[in-house]
Amino acid sequence: MARQLRRSTGTVAEPPARKPPPRVAARPDIGRPGRGIGQFIGEVRSELRKVAWPTRQQAAKLTALVVAIAVAVGFILGGIDFVFSELFRALLR
């Protein structure tokens, strides 16, 4: 309840004061699309230079691993689907 009655005096007590919401600092690049996009692209290039990229051999091995796992999961899910479809066919006969 926002307001409560006091029995002894008959006056209404006000709720405690709320804190104002935090202020968000203004960004200087908002409103200037050319500068903001150029700065963004520069920062992206700077970060991409720091990335430890895999070698061609590492990329090939990891790609083969992902494909193998995807095929294995596909067979497992296909097998589960087949078992359940046969189970439902048997129940509906």
PDB file of N, CA and C in Angstrom:
ATOM      1  N   MET A   1       0.835  -1.178   0.000  1.00  0.00           N
ATOM      2  CA  MET A   1       0.000   0.000   0.000  1.00  0.00           C
ATOM      3  C   MET A   1       0.875   1.235   0.000  1.00  0.00           C
ATOM      4  N   ALA A   2       0.543   2.154  -0.881  1.00  0.00           N
ATOM      5  CA  ALA A   2       1.338   3.375  -0.987  1.00  0.00           C
ATOM      6  C   ALA A   2       1.081   4.304   0.189  1.00  0.00           C
ATOM      7  N   ARG A   3      -0.138   4.367   0.635  1.00  0.00           N
ATOM      8  CA  ARG A   3      -0.479   5.249   1.748  1.00  0.00           C
ATOM      9  C   ARG A   3      -1.043   4.402   2.883  1.00  0.00           C
ATOM     10  N   GLN A   4      -0.695   4.776   4.076  1.00  0.00           N
ATOM     11  CA  GLN A   4      -1.206   4.076   5.245  1.00  0.00           C
ATOM     12  C   GLN A   4      -1.822   5.091   6.194  1.00  0.00           C
ATOM     13  N   LEU A   5      -2.898   4.706   6.838  1.00  0.00           N
ATOM     14  CA  LEU A   5      -3.552   5.583   7.803  1.00  0.00           C
ATOM     15  C   LEU A   5      -2.933   5.380   9.173  1.00  0.00           C
ATOM     16  N   ARG A   6      -2.704   6.465   9.849  1.00  0.00           N
ATOM     17  CA  ARG A   6      -2.243   6.383  11.227  1.00  0.00           C
ATOM     18  C   ARG A   6      -3.468   6.459  12.134  1.00  0.00           C
ATOM     19  N   ARG A   7      -3.565   5.548  13.052  1.00  0.00           N
ATOM     20  CA  ARG A   7      -4.746   5.500  13.906  1.00  0.00           C
ATOM     21  C   ARG A   7      -4.724   6.576  14.983  1.00  0.00           C
ATOM     22  N   SER A   8      -3.556   6.899  15.482  1.00  0.00           N
ATOM     23  CA  SER A   8      -3.516   7.830  16.618  1.00  0.00           C
ATOM     24  C   SER A   8      -3.817   9.261  16.194  1.00  0.00           C
ATOM     25  N   THR A   9      -3.280   9.723  15.083  1.00  0.00           N
ATOM     26  CA  THR A   9      -3.469  11.124  14.698  1.00  0.00           C
ATOM     27  C   THR A   9      -4.488  11.298  13.587  1.00  0.00           C
ATOM     28  N   GLY A  10      -4.773  10.245  12.848  1.00  0.00           N
ATOM     29  CA  GLY A  10      -5.732  10.365  11.773  1.00  0.00           C
ATOM     30  C   GLY A  10      -5.151  10.979  10.516  1.00  0.00           C
ATOM     31  N   THR A  11      -3.824  11.167  10.446  1.00  0.00           N
ATOM     32  CA  THR A  11      -3.199  11.733   9.252  1.00  0.00           C
ATOM     33  C   THR A  11      -2.710  10.610   8.347  1.00  0.00           C
ATOM     34  N   VAL A  12      -2.436  10.965   7.114  1.00  0.00           N
ATOM     35  CA  VAL A  12      -1.975   9.996   6.128  1.00  0.00           C
ATOM     36  C   VAL A  12      -0.463  10.091   6.021  1.00  0.00           C
ATOM     37  N   ALA A  13       0.215   8.959   6.122  1.00  0.00           N
ATOM     38  CA  ALA A  13       1.674   8.937   5.996  1.00  0.00           C
ATOM     39  C   ALA A  13       2.051   8.821   4.525  1.00  0.00           C
ATOM     40  N   GLU A  14       3.026   9.576   4.097  1.00  0.00           N
ATOM     41  CA  GLU A  14       3.506   9.523   2.720  1.00  0.00           C
ATOM     42  C   GLU A  14       4.501   8.374   2.572  1.00  0.00           C
ATOM     43  N   PRO A  15       4.553   7.743   1.408  1.00  0.00           N
ATOM     44  CA  PRO A  15       5.527   6.667   1.206  1.00  0.00           C
ATOM     45  C   PRO A  15       6.942   7.236   1.183  1.00  0.00           C
ATOM     46  N   PRO A  16       7.930   6.392   1.465  1.00  0.00           N
ATOM     47  CA  PRO A  16       9.314   6.887   1.423  1.00  0.00           C
ATOM     48  C   PRO A  16       9.681   7.343   0.009  1.00  0.00           C
ATOM     49  N   ALA A  17      10.553   8.325  -0.061  1.00  0.00           N
ATOM     50  CA  ALA A  17      10.955   8.884  -1.357  1.00  0.00           C
ATOM     51  C   ALA A  17      11.742   7.850  -2.150  1.00  0.00           C
ATOM     52  N   ARG A  18      11.513   7.789  -3.457  1.00  0.00           N
ATOM     53  CA  ARG A  18      12.229   6.864  -4.339  1.00  0.00           C
ATOM     54  C   ARG A  18      13.474   7.534  -4.879  1.00  0.00           C
ATOM     55  N   LYS A  19      14.487   6.703  -5.157  1.00  0.00           N
ATOM     56  CA  LYS A  19      15.700   7.222  -5.783  1.00  0.00           C
ATOM     57  C   LYS A  19      15.416   7.497  -7.249  1.00  0.00           C
ATOM     58  N   PRO A  20      15.962   8.570  -7.795  1.00  0.00           N
ATOM     59  CA  PRO A  20      15.773   8.807  -9.240  1.00  0.00           C
ATOM     60  C   PRO A  20      16.549   7.761 -10.036  1.00  0.00           C
ATOM     61  N   PRO A  21      16.088   7.416 -11.238  1.00  0.00           N
ATOM     62  CA  PRO A  21      16.799   6.419 -12.046  1.00  0.00           C
ATOM     63  C   PRO A  21      18.188   6.923 -12.420  1.00  0.00           C
ATOM     64  N   PRO A  22      19.143   6.006 -12.584  1.00  0.00           N
ATOM     65  CA  PRO A  22      20.497   6.443 -12.942  1.00  0.00           C
ATOM     66  C   PRO A  22      20.509   7.105 -14.311  1.00  0.00           C
ATOM     67  N   ARG A  23      21.342   8.103 -14.453  1.00  0.00           N
ATOM     68  CA  ARG A  23      21.453   8.821 -15.724  1.00  0.00           C
ATOM     69  C   ARG A  23      22.427   8.092 -16.630  1.00  0.00           C
ATOM     70  N   VAL A  24      22.087   8.051 -17.883  1.00  0.00           N
ATOM     71  CA  VAL A  24      22.944   7.423 -18.883  1.00  0.00           C
ATOM     72  C   VAL A  24      23.799   8.509 -19.512  1.00  0.00           C
ATOM     73  N   ALA A  25      25.095   8.254 -19.561  1.00  0.00           N
ATOM     74  CA  ALA A  25      26.002   9.242 -20.141  1.00  0.00           C
ATOM     75  C   ALA A  25      25.732   9.383 -21.639  1.00  0.00           C
ATOM     76  N   ALA A  26      25.774  10.598 -22.123  1.00  0.00           N
ATOM     77  CA  ALA A  26      25.549  10.856 -23.547  1.00  0.00           C
ATOM     78  C   ALA A  26      26.747  10.361 -24.348  1.00  0.00           C
ATOM     79  N   ARG A  27      26.473   9.721 -25.475  1.00  0.00           N
ATOM     80  CA  ARG A  27      27.544   9.252 -26.354  1.00  0.00           C
ATOM     81  C   ARG A  27      27.784  10.301 -27.427  1.00  0.00           C
ATOM     82  N   PRO A  28      29.021  10.751 -27.582  1.00  0.00           N
ATOM     83  CA  PRO A  28      29.283  11.812 -28.552  1.00  0.00           C
ATOM     84  C   PRO A  28      29.146  11.370 -30.003  1.00  0.00           C
ATOM     85  N   ASP A  29      29.237  10.042 -30.296  1.00  0.00           N
ATOM     86  CA  ASP A  29      29.190   9.609 -31.694  1.00  0.00           C
ATOM     87  C   ASP A  29      27.766   9.378 -32.187  1.00  0.00           C
ATOM     88  N   ILE A  30      26.764   9.454 -31.313  1.00  0.00           N
ATOM     89  CA  ILE A  30      25.385   9.290 -31.754  1.00  0.00           C
ATOM     90  C   ILE A  30      24.956  10.572 -32.454  1.00  0.00           C
ATOM     91  N   GLY A  31      24.323  10.430 -33.587  1.00  0.00           N
ATOM     92  CA  GLY A  31      23.891  11.590 -34.345  1.00  0.00           C
ATOM     93  C   GLY A  31      24.866  11.964 -35.435  1.00  0.00           C
ATOM     94  N   ARG A  32      26.029  11.343 -35.428  1.00  0.00           N
ATOM     95  CA  ARG A  32      27.025  11.564 -36.482  1.00  0.00           C
ATOM     96  C   ARG A  32      27.343  10.216 -37.111  1.00  0.00           C
ATOM     97  N   PRO A  33      26.527   9.762 -38.058  1.00  0.00           N
ATOM     98  CA  PRO A  33      26.688   8.407 -38.576  1.00  0.00           C
ATOM     99  C   PRO A  33      28.039   8.134 -39.228  1.00  0.00           C
ATOM    100  N   GLY A  34      28.607   9.076 -39.927  1.00  0.00           N
ATOM    101  CA  GLY A  34      29.875   8.840 -40.610  1.00  0.00           C
ATOM    102  C   GLY A  34      31.001   8.536 -39.645  1.00  0.00           C
ATOM    103  N   ARG A  35      31.103   9.310 -38.597  1.00  0.00           N
ATOM    104  CA  ARG A  35      32.183   9.125 -37.629  1.00  0.00           C
ATOM    105  C   ARG A  35      31.984   7.839 -36.840  1.00  0.00           C
ATOM    106  N   GLY A  36      30.769   7.521 -36.439  1.00  0.00           N
ATOM    107  CA  GLY A  36      30.499   6.337 -35.645  1.00  0.00           C
ATOM    108  C   GLY A  36      30.806   5.057 -36.403  1.00  0.00           C
ATOM    109  N   ILE A  37      30.410   4.985 -37.661  1.00  0.00           N
ATOM    110  CA  ILE A  37      30.649   3.786 -38.458  1.00  0.00           C
ATOM    111  C   ILE A  37      32.137   3.641 -38.752  1.00  0.00           C
ATOM    112  N   GLY A  38      32.793   4.735 -39.087  1.00  0.00           N
ATOM    113  CA  GLY A  38      34.233   4.678 -39.355  1.00  0.00           C
ATOM    114  C   GLY A  38      35.015   4.249 -38.128  1.00  0.00           C
ATOM    115  N   GLN A  39      34.629   4.764 -36.977  1.00  0.00           N
ATOM    116  CA  GLN A  39      35.291   4.385 -35.729  1.00  0.00           C
ATOM    117  C   GLN A  39      35.033   2.908 -35.439  1.00  0.00           C
ATOM    118  N   PHE A  40      33.802   2.464 -35.650  1.00  0.00           N
ATOM    119  CA  PHE A  40      33.456   1.062 -35.422  1.00  0.00           C
ATOM    120  C   PHE A  40      34.291   0.140 -36.300  1.00  0.00           C
ATOM    121  N   ILE A  41      34.394   0.447 -37.586  1.00  0.00           N
ATOM    122  CA  ILE A  41      35.165  -0.394 -38.507  1.00  0.00           C
ATOM    123  C   ILE A  41      36.639  -0.404 -38.108  1.00  0.00           C
ATOM    124  N   GLY A  42      37.169   0.730 -37.708  1.00  0.00           N
ATOM    125  CA  GLY A  42      38.556   0.785 -37.251  1.00  0.00           C
ATOM    126  C   GLY A  42      38.786  -0.081 -36.031  1.00  0.00           C
ATOM    127  N   GLU A  43      37.837  -0.065 -35.079  1.00  0.00           N
ATOM    128  CA  GLU A  43      37.973  -0.882 -33.888  1.00  0.00           C
ATOM    129  C   GLU A  43      37.842  -2.366 -34.212  1.00  0.00           C
ATOM    130  N   VAL A  44      36.965  -2.704 -35.161  1.00  0.00           N
ATOM    131  CA  VAL A  44      36.824  -4.112 -35.571  1.00  0.00           C
ATOM    132  C   VAL A  44      38.124  -4.613 -36.189  1.00  0.00           C
ATOM    133  N   ARG A  45      38.710  -3.824 -37.073  1.00  0.00           N
ATOM    134  CA  ARG A  45      39.983  -4.228 -37.691  1.00  0.00           C
ATOM    135  C   ARG A  45      41.076  -4.385 -36.646  1.00  0.00           C
ATOM    136  N   SER A  46      41.093  -3.488 -35.670  1.00  0.00           N
ATOM    137  CA  SER A  46      42.089  -3.562 -34.608  1.00  0.00           C
ATOM    138  C   SER A  46      41.924  -4.844 -33.794  1.00  0.00           C
ATOM    139  N   GLU A  47      40.687  -5.210 -33.487  1.00  0.00           N
ATOM    140  CA  GLU A  47      40.445  -6.424 -32.709  1.00  0.00           C
ATOM    141  C   GLU A  47      40.750  -7.680 -33.529  1.00  0.00           C
ATOM    142  N   LEU A  48      40.448  -7.646 -34.832  1.00  0.00           N
ATOM    143  CA  LEU A  48      40.712  -8.821 -35.669  1.00  0.00           C
ATOM    144  C   LEU A  48      42.205  -9.087 -35.817  1.00  0.00           C
ATOM    145  N   ARG A  49      43.018  -8.068 -35.692  1.00  0.00           N
ATOM    146  CA  ARG A  49      44.476  -8.270 -35.735  1.00  0.00           C
ATOM    147  C   ARG A  49      44.972  -9.026 -34.510  1.00  0.00           C
ATOM    148  N   LYS A  50      44.230  -8.940 -33.401  1.00  0.00           N
ATOM    149  CA  LYS A  50      44.629  -9.595 -32.159  1.00  0.00           C
ATOM    150  C   LYS A  50      44.215 -11.064 -32.098  1.00  0.00           C
ATOM    151  N   VAL A  51      43.363 -11.513 -33.016  1.00  0.00           N
ATOM    152  CA  VAL A  51      42.831 -12.868 -32.979  1.00  0.00           C
ATOM    153  C   VAL A  51      43.916 -13.873 -33.342  1.00  0.00           C
ATOM    154  N   ALA A  52      43.956 -14.995 -32.593  1.00  0.00           N
ATOM    155  CA  ALA A  52      44.878 -16.084 -32.909  1.00  0.00           C
ATOM    156  C   ALA A  52      44.151 -17.014 -33.890  1.00  0.00           C
ATOM    157  N   TRP A  53      44.398 -16.823 -35.169  1.00  0.00           N
ATOM    158  CA  TRP A  53      43.709 -17.586 -36.199  1.00  0.00           C
ATOM    159  C   TRP A  53      44.297 -18.990 -36.293  1.00  0.00           C
ATOM    160  N   PRO A  54      43.467 -20.025 -36.540  1.00  0.00           N
ATOM    161  CA  PRO A  54      43.997 -21.383 -36.680  1.00  0.00           C
ATOM    162  C   PRO A  54      44.730 -21.539 -38.012  1.00  0.00           C
ATOM    163  N   THR A  55      45.648 -22.514 -38.043  1.00  0.00           N
ATOM    164  CA  THR A  55      46.331 -22.813 -39.296  1.00  0.00           C
ATOM    165  C   THR A  55      45.364 -23.537 -40.223  1.00  0.00           C
ATOM    166  N   ARG A  56      45.760 -23.705 -41.467  1.00  0.00           N
ATOM    167  CA  ARG A  56      44.909 -24.407 -42.426  1.00  0.00           C
ATOM    168  C   ARG A  56      44.658 -25.843 -41.971  1.00  0.00           C
ATOM    169  N   GLN A  57      45.696 -26.499 -41.433  1.00  0.00           N
ATOM    170  CA  GLN A  57      45.546 -27.890 -40.969  1.00  0.00           C
ATOM    171  C   GLN A  57      44.588 -27.963 -39.778  1.00  0.00           C
ATOM    172  N   GLN A  58      44.709 -27.036 -38.836  1.00  0.00           N
ATOM    173  CA  GLN A  58      43.813 -27.029 -37.686  1.00  0.00           C
ATOM    174  C   GLN A  58      42.371 -26.795 -38.119  1.00  0.00           C
ATOM    175  N   ALA A  59      42.175 -25.868 -39.049  1.00  0.00           N
ATOM    176  CA  ALA A  59      40.827 -25.572 -39.537  1.00  0.00           C
ATOM    177  C   ALA A  59      40.229 -26.789 -40.232  1.00  0.00           C
ATOM    178  N   ALA A  60      41.034 -27.515 -41.031  1.00  0.00           N
ATOM    179  CA  ALA A  60      40.537 -28.706 -41.722  1.00  0.00           C
ATOM    180  C   ALA A  60      40.159 -29.794 -40.727  1.00  0.00           C
ATOM    181  N   LYS A  61      41.015 -30.006 -39.705  1.00  0.00           N
ATOM    182  CA  LYS A  61      40.711 -31.036 -38.698  1.00  0.00           C
ATOM    183  C   LYS A  61      39.454 -30.693 -37.904  1.00  0.00           C
ATOM    184  N   LEU A  62      39.321 -29.438 -37.513  1.00  0.00           N
ATOM    185  CA  LEU A  62      38.151 -29.036 -36.740  1.00  0.00           C
ATOM    186  C   LEU A  62      36.878 -29.104 -37.578  1.00  0.00           C
ATOM    187  N   THR A  63      36.987 -28.766 -38.864  1.00  0.00           N
ATOM    188  CA  THR A  63      35.827 -28.867 -39.749  1.00  0.00           C
ATOM    189  C   THR A  63      35.398 -30.316 -39.900  1.00  0.00           C
ATOM    190  N   ALA A  64      36.367 -31.223 -40.082  1.00  0.00           N
ATOM    191  CA  ALA A  64      36.048 -32.645 -40.188  1.00  0.00           C
ATOM    192  C   ALA A  64      35.403 -33.152 -38.899  1.00  0.00           C
ATOM    193  N   LEU A  65      35.882 -32.688 -37.762  1.00  0.00           N
ATOM    194  CA  LEU A  65      35.312 -33.092 -36.478  1.00  0.00           C
ATOM    195  C   LEU A  65      33.858 -32.638 -36.355  1.00  0.00           C
ATOM    196  N   VAL A  66      33.584 -31.413 -36.748  1.00  0.00           N
ATOM    197  CA  VAL A  66      32.213 -30.887 -36.677  1.00  0.00           C
ATOM    198  C   VAL A  66      31.295 -31.675 -37.606  1.00  0.00           C
ATOM    199  N   VAL A  67      31.752 -31.970 -38.816  1.00  0.00           N
ATOM    200  CA  VAL A  67      30.933 -32.737 -39.766  1.00  0.00           C
ATOM    201  C   VAL A  67      30.676 -34.141 -39.220  1.00  0.00           C
ATOM    202  N   ALA A  68      31.705 -34.787 -38.651  1.00  0.00           N
ATOM    203  CA  ALA A  68      31.547 -36.136 -38.111  1.00  0.00           C
ATOM    204  C   ALA A  68      30.545 -36.148 -36.951  1.00  0.00           C
ATOM    205  N   ILE A  69      30.638 -35.171 -36.067  1.00  0.00           N
ATOM    206  CA  ILE A  69      29.704 -35.111 -34.942  1.00  0.00           C
ATOM    207  C   ILE A  69      28.287 -34.849 -35.442  1.00  0.00           C
ATOM    208  N   ALA A  70      28.139 -33.991 -36.438  1.00  0.00           N
ATOM    209  CA  ALA A  70      26.811 -33.703 -36.985  1.00  0.00           C
ATOM    210  C   ALA A  70      26.203 -34.943 -37.618  1.00  0.00           C
ATOM    211  N   VAL A  71      27.010 -35.718 -38.348  1.00  0.00           N
ATOM    212  CA  VAL A  71      26.510 -36.950 -38.961  1.00  0.00           C
ATOM    213  C   VAL A  71      26.132 -37.956 -37.876  1.00  0.00           C
ATOM    214  N   ALA A  72      26.957 -38.098 -36.836  1.00  0.00           N
ATOM    215  CA  ALA A  72      26.663 -39.038 -35.754  1.00  0.00           C
ATOM    216  C   ALA A  72      25.367 -38.659 -35.039  1.00  0.00           C
ATOM    217  N   VAL A  73      25.184 -37.387 -34.732  1.00  0.00           N
ATOM    218  CA  VAL A  73      23.960 -36.934 -34.074  1.00  0.00           C
ATOM    219  C   VAL A  73      22.767 -37.164 -34.991  1.00  0.00           C
ATOM    220  N   GLY A  74      22.937 -36.961 -36.286  1.00  0.00           N
ATOM    221  CA  GLY A  74      21.856 -37.218 -37.239  1.00  0.00           C
ATOM    222  C   GLY A  74      21.437 -38.683 -37.239  1.00  0.00           C
ATOM    223  N   PHE A  75      22.405 -39.593 -37.211  1.00  0.00           N
ATOM    224  CA  PHE A  75      22.073 -41.014 -37.162  1.00  0.00           C
ATOM    225  C   PHE A  75      21.378 -41.377 -35.852  1.00  0.00           C
ATOM    226  N   ILE A  76      21.857 -40.812 -34.742  1.00  0.00           N
ATOM    227  CA  ILE A  76      21.230 -41.107 -33.446  1.00  0.00           C
ATOM    228  C   ILE A  76      19.788 -40.621 -33.421  1.00  0.00           C
ATOM    229  N   LEU A  77      19.574 -39.386 -33.850  1.00  0.00           N
ATOM    230  CA  LEU A  77      18.212 -38.853 -33.858  1.00  0.00           C
ATOM    231  C   LEU A  77      17.325 -39.587 -34.860  1.00  0.00           C
ATOM    232  N   GLY A  78      17.892 -39.960 -35.999  1.00  0.00           N
ATOM    233  CA  GLY A  78      17.125 -40.741 -36.970  1.00  0.00           C
ATOM    234  C   GLY A  78      16.733 -42.097 -36.411  1.00  0.00           C
ATOM    235  N   GLY A  79      17.647 -42.722 -35.674  1.00  0.00           N
ATOM    236  CA  GLY A  79      17.329 -44.011 -35.050  1.00  0.00           C
ATOM    237  C   GLY A  79      16.240 -43.882 -34.008  1.00  0.00           C
ATOM    238  N   ILE A  80      16.326 -42.844 -33.183  1.00  0.00           N
ATOM    239  CA  ILE A  80      15.284 -42.621 -32.178  1.00  0.00           C
ATOM    240  C   ILE A  80      13.948 -42.357 -32.858  1.00  0.00           C
ATOM    241  N   ASP A  81      13.943 -41.580 -33.911  1.00  0.00           N
ATOM    242  CA  ASP A  81      12.715 -41.298 -34.655  1.00  0.00           C
ATOM    243  C   ASP A  81      12.133 -42.581 -35.242  1.00  0.00           C
ATOM    244  N   PHE A  82      12.996 -43.421 -35.808  1.00  0.00           N
ATOM    245  CA  PHE A  82      12.529 -44.684 -36.383  1.00  0.00           C
ATOM    246  C   PHE A  82      11.904 -45.570 -35.309  1.00  0.00           C
ATOM    247  N   VAL A  83      12.555 -45.681 -34.157  1.00  0.00           N
ATOM    248  CA  VAL A  83      12.028 -46.529 -33.070  1.00  0.00           C
ATOM    249  C   VAL A  83      10.668 -46.027 -32.613  1.00  0.00           C
ATOM    250  N   PHE A  84      10.533 -44.713 -32.407  1.00  0.00           N
ATOM    251  CA  PHE A  84       9.253 -44.177 -31.963  1.00  0.00           C
ATOM    252  C   PHE A  84       8.173 -44.312 -33.034  1.00  0.00           C
ATOM    253  N   SER A  85       8.511 -44.115 -34.296  1.00  0.00           N
ATOM    254  CA  SER A  85       7.495 -44.253 -35.348  1.00  0.00           C
ATOM    255  C   SER A  85       7.019 -45.697 -35.441  1.00  0.00           C
ATOM    256  N   GLU A  86       7.922 -46.669 -35.304  1.00  0.00           N
ATOM    257  CA  GLU A  86       7.508 -48.080 -35.317  1.00  0.00           C
ATOM    258  C   GLU A  86       6.682 -48.413 -34.075  1.00  0.00           C
ATOM    259  N   LEU A  87       7.018 -47.827 -32.950  1.00  0.00           N
ATOM    260  CA  LEU A  87       6.253 -48.053 -31.721  1.00  0.00           C
ATOM    261  C   LEU A  87       4.833 -47.528 -31.880  1.00  0.00           C
ATOM    262  N   PHE A  88       4.673 -46.350 -32.443  1.00  0.00           N
ATOM    263  CA  PHE A  88       3.336 -45.796 -32.645  1.00  0.00           C
ATOM    264  C   PHE A  88       2.557 -46.583 -33.690  1.00  0.00           C
ATOM    265  N   ARG A  89       3.232 -47.054 -34.725  1.00  0.00           N
ATOM    266  CA  ARG A  89       2.546 -47.888 -35.724  1.00  0.00           C
ATOM    267  C   ARG A  89       2.024 -49.161 -35.066  1.00  0.00           C
ATOM    268  N   ALA A  90       2.826 -49.760 -34.192  1.00  0.00           N
ATOM    269  CA  ALA A  90       2.416 -50.986 -33.512  1.00  0.00           C
ATOM    270  C   ALA A  90       1.253 -50.714 -32.573  1.00  0.00           C
ATOM    271  N   LEU A  91       1.232 -49.564 -31.925  1.00  0.00           N
ATOM    272  CA  LEU A  91       0.142 -49.236 -31.003  1.00  0.00           C
ATOM    273  C   LEU A  91      -1.153 -48.931 -31.744  1.00  0.00           C
ATOM    274  N   LEU A  92      -1.068 -48.402 -32.959  1.00  0.00           N
ATOM    275  CA  LEU A  92      -2.260 -48.035 -33.710  1.00  0.00           C
ATOM    276  C   LEU A  92      -2.860 -49.201 -34.488  1.00  0.00           C
ATOM    277  N   ARG A  93      -2.172 -50.314 -34.582  1.00  0.00           N
ATOM    278  CA  ARG A  93      -2.705 -51.471 -35.321  1.00  0.00           C
ATOM    279  C   ARG A  93      -3.795 -52.158 -34.591  1.00  0.00           C
TER     280      ARG A  93
END
